[in-house]
PDB file of all heavy atoms in Angstrom:
ATOM      1  N   SER A   1     -98.343-151.742-162.420  1.00  0.00           N
ATOM      2  CA  SER A   1     -97.897-151.909-161.050  1.00  0.00           C
ATOM      3  C   SER A   1     -96.885-150.845-160.677  1.00  0.00           C
ATOM      4  O   SER A   1     -96.915-150.277-159.592  1.00  0.00           O
ATOM      5  CB  SER A   1     -97.288-153.310-160.874  1.00  0.00           C
ATOM      6  OG  SER A   1     -96.735-153.457-159.582  1.00  0.00           O
ATOM      7  N   GLY A   2     -95.965-150.557-161.603  1.00  0.00           N
ATOM      8  CA  GLY A   2     -94.966-149.529-161.335  1.00  0.00           C
ATOM      9  C   GLY A   2     -95.597-148.164-161.164  1.00  0.00           C
ATOM     10  O   GLY A   2     -95.185-147.372-160.313  1.00  0.00           O
ATOM     11  N   LEU A   3     -96.623-147.864-161.949  1.00  0.00           N
ATOM     12  CA  LEU A   3     -97.298-146.589-161.841  1.00  0.00           C
ATOM     13  C   LEU A   3     -98.017-146.481-160.506  1.00  0.00           C
ATOM     14  O   LEU A   3     -97.989-145.437-159.853  1.00  0.00           O
ATOM     15  CB  LEU A   3     -98.289-146.424-162.991  1.00  0.00           C
ATOM     16  CG  LEU A   3     -99.030-145.098-163.071  1.00  0.00           C
ATOM     17  CD1 LEU A   3     -98.040-143.961-163.202  1.00  0.00           C
ATOM     18  CD2 LEU A   3     -99.989-145.098-164.243  1.00  0.00           C
ATOM     19  N   CYS A   4     -98.649-147.548-160.073  1.00  0.00           N
ATOM     20  CA  CYS A   4     -99.331-147.534-158.777  1.00  0.00           C
ATOM     21  C   CYS A   4     -98.338-147.307-157.646  1.00  0.00           C
ATOM     22  O   CYS A   4     -98.607-146.571-156.699  1.00  0.00           O
ATOM     23  CB  CYS A   4    -100.086-148.845-158.552  1.00  0.00           C
ATOM     24  SG  CYS A   4    -101.511-149.072-159.650  1.00  0.00           S
ATOM     25  N   GLN A   5     -97.150-147.955-157.741  1.00  0.00           N
ATOM     26  CA  GLN A   5     -96.143-147.767-156.710  1.00  0.00           C
ATOM     27  C   GLN A   5     -95.627-146.343-156.706  1.00  0.00           C
ATOM     28  O   GLN A   5     -95.382-145.747-155.656  1.00  0.00           O
ATOM     29  CB  GLN A   5     -94.994-148.746-156.920  1.00  0.00           C
ATOM     30  CG  GLN A   5     -95.370-150.200-156.662  1.00  0.00           C
ATOM     31  CD  GLN A   5     -94.223-151.152-156.954  1.00  0.00           C
ATOM     32  OE1 GLN A   5     -93.150-150.728-157.358  1.00  0.00           O
ATOM     33  NE2 GLN A   5     -94.456-152.434-156.739  1.00  0.00           N
ATOM     34  N   ALA A   6     -95.453-145.777-157.897  1.00  0.00           N
ATOM     35  CA  ALA A   6     -94.941-144.410-157.982  1.00  0.00           C
ATOM     36  C   ALA A   6     -95.915-143.413-157.388  1.00  0.00           C
ATOM     37  O   ALA A   6     -95.517-142.373-156.870  1.00  0.00           O
ATOM     38  CB  ALA A   6     -94.659-144.045-159.434  1.00  0.00           C
ATOM     39  N   LEU A   7     -97.222-143.722-157.429  1.00  0.00           N
ATOM     40  CA  LEU A   7     -98.239-142.812-156.916  1.00  0.00           C
ATOM     41  C   LEU A   7     -98.675-143.168-155.506  1.00  0.00           C
ATOM     42  O   LEU A   7     -99.568-142.537-154.964  1.00  0.00           O
ATOM     43  CB  LEU A   7     -99.462-142.820-157.838  1.00  0.00           C
ATOM     44  CG  LEU A   7     -99.238-142.213-159.214  1.00  0.00           C
ATOM     45  CD1 LEU A   7    -100.492-142.386-160.060  1.00  0.00           C
ATOM     46  CD2 LEU A   7     -98.880-140.753-159.106  1.00  0.00           C
ATOM     47  N   ALA A   8     -98.059-144.186-154.934  1.00  0.00           N
ATOM     48  CA  ALA A   8     -98.454-144.599-153.591  1.00  0.00           C
ATOM     49  C   ALA A   8     -98.112-143.516-152.585  1.00  0.00           C
ATOM     50  O   ALA A   8     -97.127-142.801-152.742  1.00  0.00           O
ATOM     51  CB  ALA A   8     -97.728-145.901-153.206  1.00  0.00           C
ATOM     52  N   PRO A   9     -98.918-143.356-151.535  1.00  0.00           N
ATOM     53  CA  PRO A   9     -98.614-142.342-150.529  1.00  0.00           C
ATOM     54  C   PRO A   9     -97.333-142.693-149.794  1.00  0.00           C
ATOM     55  O   PRO A   9     -96.945-143.857-149.712  1.00  0.00           O
ATOM     56  CB  PRO A   9     -99.836-142.394-149.597  1.00  0.00           C
ATOM     57  CG  PRO A   9    -100.419-143.750-149.803  1.00  0.00           C
ATOM     58  CD  PRO A   9    -100.146-144.107-151.230  1.00  0.00           C
ATOM     59  N   PRO A  10     -96.625-141.716-149.241  1.00  0.00           N
ATOM     60  CA  PRO A  10     -95.377-141.988-148.544  1.00  0.00           C
ATOM     61  C   PRO A  10     -95.622-142.840-147.310  1.00  0.00           C
ATOM     62  O   PRO A  10     -96.693-142.793-146.696  1.00  0.00           O
ATOM     63  CB  PRO A  10     -94.879-140.588-148.167  1.00  0.00           C
ATOM     64  CG  PRO A  10     -96.097-139.723-148.187  1.00  0.00           C
ATOM     65  CD  PRO A  10     -96.982-140.298-149.238  1.00  0.00           C
ATOM     66  N   SER A  11     -94.627-143.627-146.947  1.00  0.00           N
ATOM     67  CA  SER A  11     -94.755-144.505-145.796  1.00  0.00           C
ATOM     68  C   SER A  11     -94.749-143.686-144.517  1.00  0.00           C
ATOM     69  O   SER A  11     -94.176-142.595-144.455  1.00  0.00           O
ATOM     70  CB  SER A  11     -93.589-145.499-145.772  1.00  0.00           C
ATOM     71  OG  SER A  11     -92.362-144.814-145.590  1.00  0.00           O
ATOM     72  N   PRO A  12     -95.372-144.181-143.440  1.00  0.00           N
ATOM     73  CA  PRO A  12     -95.405-143.436-142.182  1.00  0.00           C
ATOM     74  C   PRO A  12     -94.019-143.166-141.625  1.00  0.00           C
ATOM     75  O   PRO A  12     -93.819-142.237-140.870  1.00  0.00           O
ATOM     76  CB  PRO A  12     -96.224-144.359-141.255  1.00  0.00           C
ATOM     77  CG  PRO A  12     -96.999-145.248-142.169  1.00  0.00           C
ATOM     78  CD  PRO A  12     -96.145-145.426-143.374  1.00  0.00           C
ATOM     79  N   GLU A  13     -93.051-144.026-141.990  1.00  0.00           N
ATOM     80  CA  GLU A  13     -91.700-143.865-141.447  1.00  0.00           C
ATOM     81  C   GLU A  13     -90.932-142.754-142.142  1.00  0.00           C
ATOM     82  O   GLU A  13     -89.896-142.311-141.679  1.00  0.00           O
ATOM     83  CB  GLU A  13     -90.911-145.167-141.589  1.00  0.00           C
ATOM     84  CG  GLU A  13     -91.462-146.314-140.733  1.00  0.00           C
ATOM     85  CD  GLU A  13     -92.657-146.984-141.367  1.00  0.00           C
ATOM     86  OE1 GLU A  13     -92.905-146.735-142.562  1.00  0.00           O
ATOM     87  OE2 GLU A  13     -93.347-147.746-140.681  1.00  0.00           O
ATOM     88  N   ALA A  14     -91.405-142.319-143.317  1.00  0.00           N
ATOM     89  CA  ALA A  14     -90.650-141.343-144.096  1.00  0.00           C
ATOM     90  C   ALA A  14     -90.610-140.005-143.378  1.00  0.00           C
ATOM     91  O   ALA A  14     -91.590-139.555-142.804  1.00  0.00           O
ATOM     92  CB  ALA A  14     -91.287-141.160-145.472  1.00  0.00           C
ATOM     93  N   GLY A  15     -89.449-139.350-143.440  1.00  0.00           N
ATOM     94  CA  GLY A  15     -89.298-138.043-142.830  1.00  0.00           C
ATOM     95  C   GLY A  15     -89.932-136.968-143.690  1.00  0.00           C
ATOM     96  O   GLY A  15     -90.315-137.191-144.818  1.00  0.00           O
ATOM     97  N   ASP A  16     -90.018-135.775-143.137  1.00  0.00           N
ATOM     98  CA  ASP A  16     -90.597-134.649-143.860  1.00  0.00           C
ATOM     99  C   ASP A  16     -89.566-134.062-144.798  1.00  0.00           C
ATOM    100  O   ASP A  16     -88.500-133.640-144.380  1.00  0.00           O
ATOM    101  CB  ASP A  16     -91.052-133.592-142.842  1.00  0.00           C
ATOM    102  CG  ASP A  16     -91.810-132.458-143.496  1.00  0.00           C
ATOM    103  OD1 ASP A  16     -91.807-132.386-144.732  1.00  0.00           O
ATOM    104  OD2 ASP A  16     -92.397-131.650-142.753  1.00  0.00           O
ATOM    105  N   ILE A  17     -89.895-134.035-146.088  1.00  0.00           N
ATOM    106  CA  ILE A  17     -88.940-133.540-147.071  1.00  0.00           C
ATOM    107  C   ILE A  17     -88.572-132.089-146.814  1.00  0.00           C
ATOM    108  O   ILE A  17     -87.462-131.667-147.092  1.00  0.00           O
ATOM    109  CB  ILE A  17     -89.520-133.691-148.492  1.00  0.00           C
ATOM    110  CG1 ILE A  17     -88.456-133.393-149.544  1.00  0.00           C
ATOM    111  CG2 ILE A  17     -90.713-132.789-148.710  1.00  0.00           C
ATOM    112  CD1 ILE A  17     -88.889-133.755-150.945  1.00  0.00           C
ATOM    113  N   THR A  18     -89.460-131.319-146.218  1.00  0.00           N
ATOM    114  CA  THR A  18     -89.168-129.912-145.985  1.00  0.00           C
ATOM    115  C   THR A  18     -88.090-129.724-144.932  1.00  0.00           C
ATOM    116  O   THR A  18     -87.459-128.674-144.881  1.00  0.00           O
ATOM    117  CB  THR A  18     -90.435-129.166-145.521  1.00  0.00           C
ATOM    118  OG1 THR A  18     -90.872-129.699-144.275  1.00  0.00           O
ATOM    119  CG2 THR A  18     -91.540-129.303-146.537  1.00  0.00           C
ATOM    120  N   SER A  19     -87.845-130.723-144.107  1.00  0.00           N
ATOM    121  CA  SER A  19     -86.865-130.564-143.052  1.00  0.00           C
ATOM    122  C   SER A  19     -85.454-130.420-143.590  1.00  0.00           C
ATOM    123  O   SER A  19     -84.550-130.013-142.870  1.00  0.00           O
ATOM    124  CB  SER A  19     -86.925-131.772-142.098  1.00  0.00           C
ATOM    125  OG  SER A  19     -86.536-132.949-142.789  1.00  0.00           O
ATOM    126  N   HIS A  20     -85.241-130.719-144.849  1.00  0.00           N
ATOM    127  CA  HIS A  20     -83.913-130.636-145.421  1.00  0.00           C
ATOM    128  C   HIS A  20     -83.531-129.210-145.790  1.00  0.00           C
ATOM    129  O   HIS A  20     -82.379-128.946-146.071  1.00  0.00           O
ATOM    130  CB  HIS A  20     -83.814-131.532-146.656  1.00  0.00           C
ATOM    131  CG  HIS A  20     -83.883-132.991-146.308  1.00  0.00           C
ATOM    132  ND1 HIS A  20     -82.766-133.757-146.092  1.00  0.00           N
ATOM    133  CD2 HIS A  20     -84.952-133.807-146.129  1.00  0.00           C
ATOM    134  CE1 HIS A  20     -83.131-135.001-145.816  1.00  0.00           C
ATOM    135  NE2 HIS A  20     -84.451-135.061-145.833  1.00  0.00           N
ATOM    136  N   TRP A  21     -84.525-128.293-145.859  1.00  0.00           N
ATOM    137  CA  TRP A  21     -84.135-126.930-146.225  1.00  0.00           C
ATOM    138  C   TRP A  21     -84.948-125.843-145.513  1.00  0.00           C
ATOM    139  O   TRP A  21     -84.844-124.672-145.828  1.00  0.00           O
ATOM    140  CB  TRP A  21     -84.226-126.707-147.724  1.00  0.00           C
ATOM    141  CG  TRP A  21     -85.581-126.865-148.311  1.00  0.00           C
ATOM    142  CD1 TRP A  21     -86.579-125.948-148.318  1.00  0.00           C
ATOM    143  CD2 TRP A  21     -86.097-128.006-148.974  1.00  0.00           C
ATOM    144  NE1 TRP A  21     -87.682-126.435-148.953  1.00  0.00           N
ATOM    145  CE2 TRP A  21     -87.412-127.701-149.369  1.00  0.00           C
ATOM    146  CE3 TRP A  21     -85.563-129.268-149.289  1.00  0.00           C
ATOM    147  CZ2 TRP A  21     -88.198-128.596-150.043  1.00  0.00           C
ATOM    148  CZ3 TRP A  21     -86.353-130.153-149.962  1.00  0.00           C
ATOM    149  CH2 TRP A  21     -87.658-129.820-150.328  1.00  0.00           C
ATOM    150  N   VAL A  22     -85.753-126.233-144.526  1.00  0.00           N
ATOM    151  CA  VAL A  22     -86.547-125.261-143.790  1.00  0.00           C
ATOM    152  C   VAL A  22     -86.234-125.397-142.311  1.00  0.00           C
ATOM    153  O   VAL A  22     -85.982-126.489-141.819  1.00  0.00           O
ATOM    154  CB  VAL A  22     -88.060-125.494-144.026  1.00  0.00           C
ATOM    155  CG1 VAL A  22     -88.868-124.418-143.338  1.00  0.00           C
ATOM    156  CG2 VAL A  22     -88.366-125.496-145.516  1.00  0.00           C
ATOM    157  N   SER A  23     -86.261-124.293-141.612  1.00  0.00           N
ATOM    158  CA  SER A  23     -85.961-124.300-140.188  1.00  0.00           C
ATOM    159  C   SER A  23     -86.960-125.170-139.438  1.00  0.00           C
ATOM    160  O   SER A  23     -88.090-125.350-139.869  1.00  0.00           O
ATOM    161  CB  SER A  23     -86.007-122.873-139.646  1.00  0.00           C
ATOM    162  OG  SER A  23     -87.307-122.327-139.794  1.00  0.00           O
ATOM    163  N   PRO A  24     -86.582-125.711-138.247  1.00  0.00           N
ATOM    164  CA  PRO A  24     -87.481-126.600-137.506  1.00  0.00           C
ATOM    165  C   PRO A  24     -88.838-125.971-137.222  1.00  0.00           C
ATOM    166  O   PRO A  24     -89.852-126.645-137.219  1.00  0.00           O
ATOM    167  CB  PRO A  24     -86.702-126.875-136.220  1.00  0.00           C
ATOM    168  CG  PRO A  24     -85.263-126.690-136.605  1.00  0.00           C
ATOM    169  CD  PRO A  24     -85.263-125.592-137.623  1.00  0.00           C
ATOM    170  N   GLY A  25     -88.862-124.643-136.995  1.00  0.00           N
ATOM    171  CA  GLY A  25     -90.139-123.993-136.712  1.00  0.00           C
ATOM    172  C   GLY A  25     -91.094-124.068-137.878  1.00  0.00           C
ATOM    173  O   GLY A  25     -92.307-124.050-137.702  1.00  0.00           O
ATOM    174  N   CYS A  26     -90.546-124.151-139.085  1.00  0.00           N
ATOM    175  CA  CYS A  26     -91.389-124.205-140.280  1.00  0.00           C
ATOM    176  C   CYS A  26     -91.859-125.604-140.591  1.00  0.00           C
ATOM    177  O   CYS A  26     -92.745-125.795-141.403  1.00  0.00           O
ATOM    178  CB  CYS A  26     -90.636-123.646-141.494  1.00  0.00           C
ATOM    179  SG  CYS A  26     -90.535-121.848-141.497  1.00  0.00           S
ATOM    180  N   GLN A  27     -91.254-126.615-139.989  1.00  0.00           N
ATOM    181  CA  GLN A  27     -91.612-127.993-140.320  1.00  0.00           C
ATOM    182  C   GLN A  27     -93.039-128.305-139.915  1.00  0.00           C
ATOM    183  O   GLN A  27     -93.646-129.209-140.464  1.00  0.00           O
ATOM    184  CB  GLN A  27     -90.647-128.959-139.627  1.00  0.00           C
ATOM    185  CG  GLN A  27     -89.222-128.864-140.139  1.00  0.00           C
ATOM    186  CD  GLN A  27     -88.293-129.796-139.393  1.00  0.00           C
ATOM    187  OE1 GLN A  27     -88.724-130.830-138.895  1.00  0.00           O
ATOM    188  NE2 GLN A  27     -87.037-129.415-139.309  1.00  0.00           N
ATOM    189  N   ARG A  28     -93.572-127.555-138.953  1.00  0.00           N
ATOM    190  CA  ARG A  28     -94.937-127.830-138.500  1.00  0.00           C
ATOM    191  C   ARG A  28     -95.960-127.176-139.399  1.00  0.00           C
ATOM    192  O   ARG A  28     -97.148-127.380-139.246  1.00  0.00           O
ATOM    193  CB  ARG A  28     -95.105-127.327-137.055  1.00  0.00           C
ATOM    194  CG  ARG A  28     -94.273-128.098-136.041  1.00  0.00           C
ATOM    195  CD  ARG A  28     -94.595-127.652-134.621  1.00  0.00           C
ATOM    196  NE  ARG A  28     -94.234-126.259-134.395  1.00  0.00           N
ATOM    197  CZ  ARG A  28     -93.029-125.872-133.986  1.00  0.00           C
ATOM    198  NH1 ARG A  28     -92.078-126.763-133.779  1.00  0.00           N
ATOM    199  NH2 ARG A  28     -92.770-124.595-133.779  1.00  0.00           N
ATOM    200  N   ARG A  29     -95.503-126.330-140.331  1.00  0.00           N
ATOM    201  CA  ARG A  29     -96.400-125.676-141.270  1.00  0.00           C
ATOM    202  C   ARG A  29     -96.038-126.120-142.671  1.00  0.00           C
ATOM    203  O   ARG A  29     -95.025-126.761-142.887  1.00  0.00           O
ATOM    204  CB  ARG A  29     -96.288-124.155-141.157  1.00  0.00           C
ATOM    205  CG  ARG A  29     -96.438-123.627-139.729  1.00  0.00           C
ATOM    206  CD  ARG A  29     -96.258-122.118-139.742  1.00  0.00           C
ATOM    207  NE  ARG A  29     -96.297-121.566-138.396  1.00  0.00           N
ATOM    208  CZ  ARG A  29     -95.230-121.404-137.645  1.00  0.00           C
ATOM    209  NH1 ARG A  29     -94.046-121.778-138.079  1.00  0.00           N
ATOM    210  NH2 ARG A  29     -95.342-120.885-136.436  1.00  0.00           N
ATOM    211  N   SER A  30     -96.840-125.750-143.629  1.00  0.00           N
ATOM    212  CA  SER A  30     -96.510-126.088-145.010  1.00  0.00           C
ATOM    213  C   SER A  30     -95.335-125.249-145.469  1.00  0.00           C
ATOM    214  O   SER A  30     -95.143-124.111-145.043  1.00  0.00           O
ATOM    215  CB  SER A  30     -97.709-125.832-145.926  1.00  0.00           C
ATOM    216  OG  SER A  30     -97.872-124.441-146.139  1.00  0.00           O
ATOM    217  N   LEU A  31     -94.538-125.832-146.345  1.00  0.00           N
ATOM    218  CA  LEU A  31     -93.386-125.122-146.901  1.00  0.00           C
ATOM    219  C   LEU A  31     -93.827-123.852-147.605  1.00  0.00           C
ATOM    220  O   LEU A  31     -93.195-122.804-147.481  1.00  0.00           O
ATOM    221  CB  LEU A  31     -92.662-126.045-147.888  1.00  0.00           C
ATOM    222  CG  LEU A  31     -91.535-125.412-148.713  1.00  0.00           C
ATOM    223  CD1 LEU A  31     -90.429-124.926-147.808  1.00  0.00           C
ATOM    224  CD2 LEU A  31     -91.007-126.416-149.728  1.00  0.00           C
TER     225      LEU A  31
END
């Protein structure tokens, strides 16, 4: 069960991890 949770896709509410170190213009593209 723990492994399944660890591999579960991110929730829709989760923010984009790239936004923490990439400019806003880059958030619409892949890091």
